[in-house]
């Protein structure tokens, strides 16, 4: 049985994962109306789907442990970006926020001696290592490209190679 405090913390993570999905969906939509960003668009649509899967995994876990996963209302994500570089900076910032939240959850689960939740969360810890790596790599590439249009063309063409999962 999941404790009330762990349930509340897991429900906050459900919200964070749902907000991540929405944020990446908004990024995909913005990219889709920019000329020549088909690869980046597809990358963020896939990121959005992946975050929704992360949310569902949490919902099922909470409910299976005898808790109640509350489905949250979501705040409006940022929907426009001054530049593609700024969009990728927001992406990294968001992944770091998610990592911090997962780390707080792990700490709480250990504090409460909830080893089942701790064990469950290890998947998220490992996932965030990968997510941060991808976000940092893509930000580094954007920095390297600068305003070079041919570099942006290659970046867009190759972005799906940085997912490392498919």
C-alpha atoms as a PDB file:
ATOM      1  CA  UNK A   1       0.000   0.000   0.000  1.00  0.00           C
ATOM      2  CA  UNK A   2       1.315   3.414  -0.961  1.00  0.00           C
ATOM      3  CA  UNK A   3       1.350   6.031   1.835  1.00  0.00           C
ATOM      4  CA  UNK A   4      -0.594   9.276   1.530  1.00  0.00           C
ATOM      5  CA  UNK A   5       2.576  11.367   1.200  1.00  0.00           C
ATOM      6  CA  UNK A   6       4.059   9.064  -1.466  1.00  0.00           C
ATOM      7  CA  UNK A   7       0.723   9.017  -3.310  1.00  0.00           C
ATOM      8  CA  UNK A   8       0.629  12.835  -3.304  1.00  0.00           C
ATOM      9  CA  UNK A   9       4.212  13.025  -4.558  1.00  0.00           C
ATOM     10  CA  UNK A  10       3.547  10.450  -7.285  1.00  0.00           C
ATOM     11  CA  UNK A  11       0.443  12.396  -8.331  1.00  0.00           C
ATOM     12  CA  UNK A  12       2.589  15.530  -8.622  1.00  0.00           C
ATOM     13  CA  UNK A  13       4.886  13.528 -10.885  1.00  0.00           C
ATOM     14  CA  UNK A  14       1.861  12.427 -12.935  1.00  0.00           C
ATOM     15  CA  UNK A  15       1.152  16.113 -13.452  1.00  0.00           C
ATOM     16  CA  UNK A  16       4.754  16.853 -14.353  1.00  0.00           C
ATOM     17  CA  UNK A  17       4.824  14.074 -16.959  1.00  0.00           C
ATOM     18  CA  UNK A  18       1.492  15.274 -18.393  1.00  0.00           C
ATOM     19  CA  UNK A  19       2.828  18.834 -18.549  1.00  0.00           C
ATOM     20  CA  UNK A  20       5.966  17.522 -20.251  1.00  0.00           C
ATOM     21  CA  UNK A  21       3.833  15.820 -22.875  1.00  0.00           C
ATOM     22  CA  UNK A  22       1.894  19.053 -23.436  1.00  0.00           C
ATOM     23  CA  UNK A  23       5.049  21.170 -23.563  1.00  0.00           C
ATOM     24  CA  UNK A  24       6.634  18.907 -26.183  1.00  0.00           C
ATOM     25  CA  UNK A  25       3.397  18.792 -28.156  1.00  0.00           C
ATOM     26  CA  UNK A  26       3.405  22.609 -28.193  1.00  0.00           C
ATOM     27  CA  UNK A  27       7.050  22.558 -29.335  1.00  0.00           C
ATOM     28  CA  UNK A  28       6.172  20.114 -32.117  1.00  0.00           C
ATOM     29  CA  UNK A  29       3.279  22.284 -33.250  1.00  0.00           C
ATOM     30  CA  UNK A  30       5.449  25.405 -33.323  1.00  0.00           C
ATOM     31  CA  UNK A  31       8.197  23.579 -35.237  1.00  0.00           C
ATOM     32  CA  UNK A  32       5.694  22.193 -37.719  1.00  0.00           C
ATOM     33  CA  UNK A  33       4.807  25.686 -38.971  1.00  0.00           C
ATOM     34  CA  UNK A  34       8.466  26.694 -39.322  1.00  0.00           C
ATOM     35  CA  UNK A  35       9.918  26.006 -42.774  1.00  0.00           C
ATOM     36  CA  UNK A  36      12.214  23.012 -43.071  1.00  0.00           C
ATOM     37  CA  UNK A  37      11.958  21.555 -39.558  1.00  0.00           C
ATOM     38  CA  UNK A  38      10.291  18.250 -40.350  1.00  0.00           C
ATOM     39  CA  UNK A  39      12.838  16.242 -38.343  1.00  0.00           C
ATOM     40  CA  UNK A  40      12.634  18.481 -35.276  1.00  0.00           C
ATOM     41  CA  UNK A  41       8.837  18.414 -35.527  1.00  0.00           C
ATOM     42  CA  UNK A  42       8.781  14.621 -35.550  1.00  0.00           C
ATOM     43  CA  UNK A  43      11.292  14.491 -32.682  1.00  0.00           C
ATOM     44  CA  UNK A  44       9.036  16.565 -30.423  1.00  0.00           C
ATOM     45  CA  UNK A  45       5.874  14.686 -31.398  1.00  0.00           C
ATOM     46  CA  UNK A  46       7.665  11.489 -30.329  1.00  0.00           C
ATOM     47  CA  UNK A  47       8.896  13.166 -27.130  1.00  0.00           C
ATOM     48  CA  UNK A  48       5.311  14.156 -26.344  1.00  0.00           C
ATOM     49  CA  UNK A  49       4.103  10.578 -26.848  1.00  0.00           C
ATOM     50  CA  UNK A  50       6.910   9.255 -24.666  1.00  0.00           C
ATOM     51  CA  UNK A  51       6.080  11.621 -21.810  1.00  0.00           C
ATOM     52  CA  UNK A  52       2.444  10.536 -21.951  1.00  0.00           C
ATOM     53  CA  UNK A  53       3.619   6.930 -21.633  1.00  0.00           C
ATOM     54  CA  UNK A  54       5.664   7.956 -18.563  1.00  0.00           C
ATOM     55  CA  UNK A  55       2.532   9.517 -17.080  1.00  0.00           C
ATOM     56  CA  UNK A  56       0.431   6.414 -17.723  1.00  0.00           C
ATOM     57  CA  UNK A  57       3.061   4.198 -16.141  1.00  0.00           C
ATOM     58  CA  UNK A  58       2.834   6.293 -12.958  1.00  0.00           C
ATOM     59  CA  UNK A  59      -0.977   6.287 -12.984  1.00  0.00           C
ATOM     60  CA  UNK A  60      -1.080   2.507 -13.212  1.00  0.00           C
ATOM     61  CA  UNK A  61       1.555   2.092 -10.495  1.00  0.00           C
ATOM     62  CA  UNK A  62      -0.281   4.322  -8.014  1.00  0.00           C
ATOM     63  CA  UNK A  63      -3.582   2.552  -8.639  1.00  0.00           C
ATOM     64  CA  UNK A  64      -2.016  -0.928  -8.480  1.00  0.00           C
ATOM     65  CA  UNK A  65      -0.489  -0.071  -5.091  1.00  0.00           C
ATOM     66  CA  UNK A  66      -3.900   0.731  -3.624  1.00  0.00           C
ATOM     67  CA  UNK A  67      -3.685   4.479  -4.089  1.00  0.00           C
ATOM     68  CA  UNK A  68      -5.639   6.777  -6.368  1.00  0.00           C
ATOM     69  CA  UNK A  69      -3.949   8.453  -9.302  1.00  0.00           C
ATOM     70  CA  UNK A  70      -5.654  11.801  -9.733  1.00  0.00           C
ATOM     71  CA  UNK A  71      -5.640  13.112 -13.292  1.00  0.00           C
ATOM     72  CA  UNK A  72      -4.642  16.781 -13.069  1.00  0.00           C
ATOM     73  CA  UNK A  73      -5.714  19.896 -14.875  1.00  0.00           C
ATOM     74  CA  UNK A  74      -2.835  21.238 -16.940  1.00  0.00           C
ATOM     75  CA  UNK A  75      -1.484  24.729 -17.312  1.00  0.00           C
ATOM     76  CA  UNK A  76      -0.977  26.186 -20.769  1.00  0.00           C
ATOM     77  CA  UNK A  77       2.569  25.458 -21.967  1.00  0.00           C
ATOM     78  CA  UNK A  78       4.723  27.956 -23.824  1.00  0.00           C
ATOM     79  CA  UNK A  79       3.430  27.809 -27.403  1.00  0.00           C
ATOM     80  CA  UNK A  80       5.742  30.139 -29.316  1.00  0.00           C
ATOM     81  CA  UNK A  81       9.479  30.537 -29.216  1.00  0.00           C
ATOM     82  CA  UNK A  82      11.733  33.396 -30.305  1.00  0.00           C
ATOM     83  CA  UNK A  83      14.095  30.906 -31.956  1.00  0.00           C
ATOM     84  CA  UNK A  84      14.839  27.238 -32.355  1.00  0.00           C
ATOM     85  CA  UNK A  85      17.844  27.693 -30.065  1.00  0.00           C
ATOM     86  CA  UNK A  86      15.552  29.058 -27.327  1.00  0.00           C
ATOM     87  CA  UNK A  87      13.182  26.114 -27.835  1.00  0.00           C
ATOM     88  CA  UNK A  88      16.030  23.657 -27.225  1.00  0.00           C
ATOM     89  CA  UNK A  89      17.152  25.619 -24.161  1.00  0.00           C
ATOM     90  CA  UNK A  90      13.607  25.272 -22.774  1.00  0.00           C
ATOM     91  CA  UNK A  91      13.693  21.556 -23.577  1.00  0.00           C
ATOM     92  CA  UNK A  92      16.883  21.069 -21.522  1.00  0.00           C
ATOM     93  CA  UNK A  93      15.587  23.231 -18.685  1.00  0.00           C
ATOM     94  CA  UNK A  94      12.412  21.162 -18.561  1.00  0.00           C
ATOM     95  CA  UNK A  95      14.293  17.834 -18.489  1.00  0.00           C
ATOM     96  CA  UNK A  96      16.453  19.082 -15.616  1.00  0.00           C
ATOM     97  CA  UNK A  97      13.290  20.034 -13.719  1.00  0.00           C
ATOM     98  CA  UNK A  98      11.874  16.537 -14.282  1.00  0.00           C
ATOM     99  CA  UNK A  99      15.128  14.961 -13.073  1.00  0.00           C
ATOM    100  CA  UNK A 100      15.032  17.017  -9.876  1.00  0.00           C
ATOM    101  CA  UNK A 101      11.449  15.959  -9.277  1.00  0.00           C
ATOM    102  CA  UNK A 102      12.309  12.266  -9.782  1.00  0.00           C
ATOM    103  CA  UNK A 103      15.245  12.628  -7.398  1.00  0.00           C
ATOM    104  CA  UNK A 104      12.935  14.141  -4.768  1.00  0.00           C
ATOM    105  CA  UNK A 105      10.570  11.188  -5.222  1.00  0.00           C
ATOM    106  CA  UNK A 106      13.393   8.693  -4.797  1.00  0.00           C
ATOM    107  CA  UNK A 107      14.478  10.469  -1.616  1.00  0.00           C
ATOM    108  CA  UNK A 108      10.924  10.403  -0.246  1.00  0.00           C
ATOM    109  CA  UNK A 109      10.508   6.717  -1.041  1.00  0.00           C
ATOM    110  CA  UNK A 110      13.717   5.903   0.848  1.00  0.00           C
ATOM    111  CA  UNK A 111      12.771   8.147   3.762  1.00  0.00           C
ATOM    112  CA  UNK A 112       9.444   6.324   4.064  1.00  0.00           C
ATOM    113  CA  UNK A 113      11.061   2.920   3.518  1.00  0.00           C
ATOM    114  CA  UNK A 114       8.789   2.365   0.517  1.00  0.00           C
ATOM    115  CA  UNK A 115      11.146   0.053  -1.340  1.00  0.00           C
ATOM    116  CA  UNK A 116       8.563  -0.974  -3.938  1.00  0.00           C
ATOM    117  CA  UNK A 117       8.208   2.647  -5.036  1.00  0.00           C
ATOM    118  CA  UNK A 118      11.974   3.125  -4.847  1.00  0.00           C
ATOM    119  CA  UNK A 119      12.468   0.120  -7.100  1.00  0.00           C
ATOM    120  CA  UNK A 120       9.782   1.347  -9.518  1.00  0.00           C
ATOM    121  CA  UNK A 121      11.391   4.793  -9.714  1.00  0.00           C
ATOM    122  CA  UNK A 122      14.764   3.413 -10.810  1.00  0.00           C
ATOM    123  CA  UNK A 123      13.363   3.126 -14.329  1.00  0.00           C
ATOM    124  CA  UNK A 124      12.643   6.887 -14.247  1.00  0.00           C
ATOM    125  CA  UNK A 125      16.111   7.657 -12.863  1.00  0.00           C
ATOM    126  CA  UNK A 126      17.695   5.798 -15.780  1.00  0.00           C
ATOM    127  CA  UNK A 127      15.283   7.366 -18.256  1.00  0.00           C
ATOM    128  CA  UNK A 128      16.205  10.847 -17.056  1.00  0.00           C
ATOM    129  CA  UNK A 129      19.911  10.158 -17.486  1.00  0.00           C
ATOM    130  CA  UNK A 130      19.165   9.434 -21.141  1.00  0.00           C
ATOM    131  CA  UNK A 131      16.763  12.377 -21.533  1.00  0.00           C
ATOM    132  CA  UNK A 132      19.301  14.823 -20.101  1.00  0.00           C
ATOM    133  CA  UNK A 133      22.045  13.407 -22.331  1.00  0.00           C
ATOM    134  CA  UNK A 134      19.912  13.875 -25.436  1.00  0.00           C
ATOM    135  CA  UNK A 135      18.827  17.401 -24.432  1.00  0.00           C
ATOM    136  CA  UNK A 136      22.414  18.453 -23.672  1.00  0.00           C
ATOM    137  CA  UNK A 137      23.724  16.958 -26.914  1.00  0.00           C
ATOM    138  CA  UNK A 138      21.076  18.735 -28.974  1.00  0.00           C
ATOM    139  CA  UNK A 139      21.749  22.028 -27.194  1.00  0.00           C
ATOM    140  CA  UNK A 140      25.470  21.609 -27.858  1.00  0.00           C
ATOM    141  CA  UNK A 141      24.711  20.994 -31.545  1.00  0.00           C
ATOM    142  CA  UNK A 142      22.502  24.095 -31.708  1.00  0.00           C
ATOM    143  CA  UNK A 143      25.308  26.136 -30.147  1.00  0.00           C
ATOM    144  CA  UNK A 144      27.773  24.746 -32.668  1.00  0.00           C
ATOM    145  CA  UNK A 145      25.486  25.470 -35.620  1.00  0.00           C
ATOM    146  CA  UNK A 146      24.813  29.079 -34.685  1.00  0.00           C
ATOM    147  CA  UNK A 147      23.169  30.756 -37.678  1.00  0.00           C
ATOM    148  CA  UNK A 148      24.538  28.336 -40.278  1.00  0.00           C
ATOM    149  CA  UNK A 149      21.593  27.239 -42.448  1.00  0.00           C
ATOM    150  CA  UNK A 150      23.382  24.209 -43.852  1.00  0.00           C
ATOM    151  CA  UNK A 151      24.209  23.112 -40.306  1.00  0.00           C
ATOM    152  CA  UNK A 152      20.546  23.494 -39.361  1.00  0.00           C
ATOM    153  CA  UNK A 153      19.557  21.431 -42.398  1.00  0.00           C
ATOM    154  CA  UNK A 154      21.855  18.599 -41.281  1.00  0.00           C
ATOM    155  CA  UNK A 155      20.695  18.934 -37.663  1.00  0.00           C
ATOM    156  CA  UNK A 156      17.057  18.602 -38.729  1.00  0.00           C
ATOM    157  CA  UNK A 157      17.856  15.644 -40.951  1.00  0.00           C
ATOM    158  CA  UNK A 158      19.796  13.812 -38.244  1.00  0.00           C
ATOM    159  CA  UNK A 159      17.889  14.683 -35.056  1.00  0.00           C
ATOM    160  CA  UNK A 160      16.128  11.319 -34.788  1.00  0.00           C
ATOM    161  CA  UNK A 161      19.541   9.666 -34.361  1.00  0.00           C
ATOM    162  CA  UNK A 162      19.878  11.384 -30.965  1.00  0.00           C
ATOM    163  CA  UNK A 163      16.882   9.686 -29.407  1.00  0.00           C
ATOM    164  CA  UNK A 164      18.944   6.567 -28.816  1.00  0.00           C
ATOM    165  CA  UNK A 165      15.837   4.484 -28.096  1.00  0.00           C
ATOM    166  CA  UNK A 166      14.364   3.419 -31.373  1.00  0.00           C
END
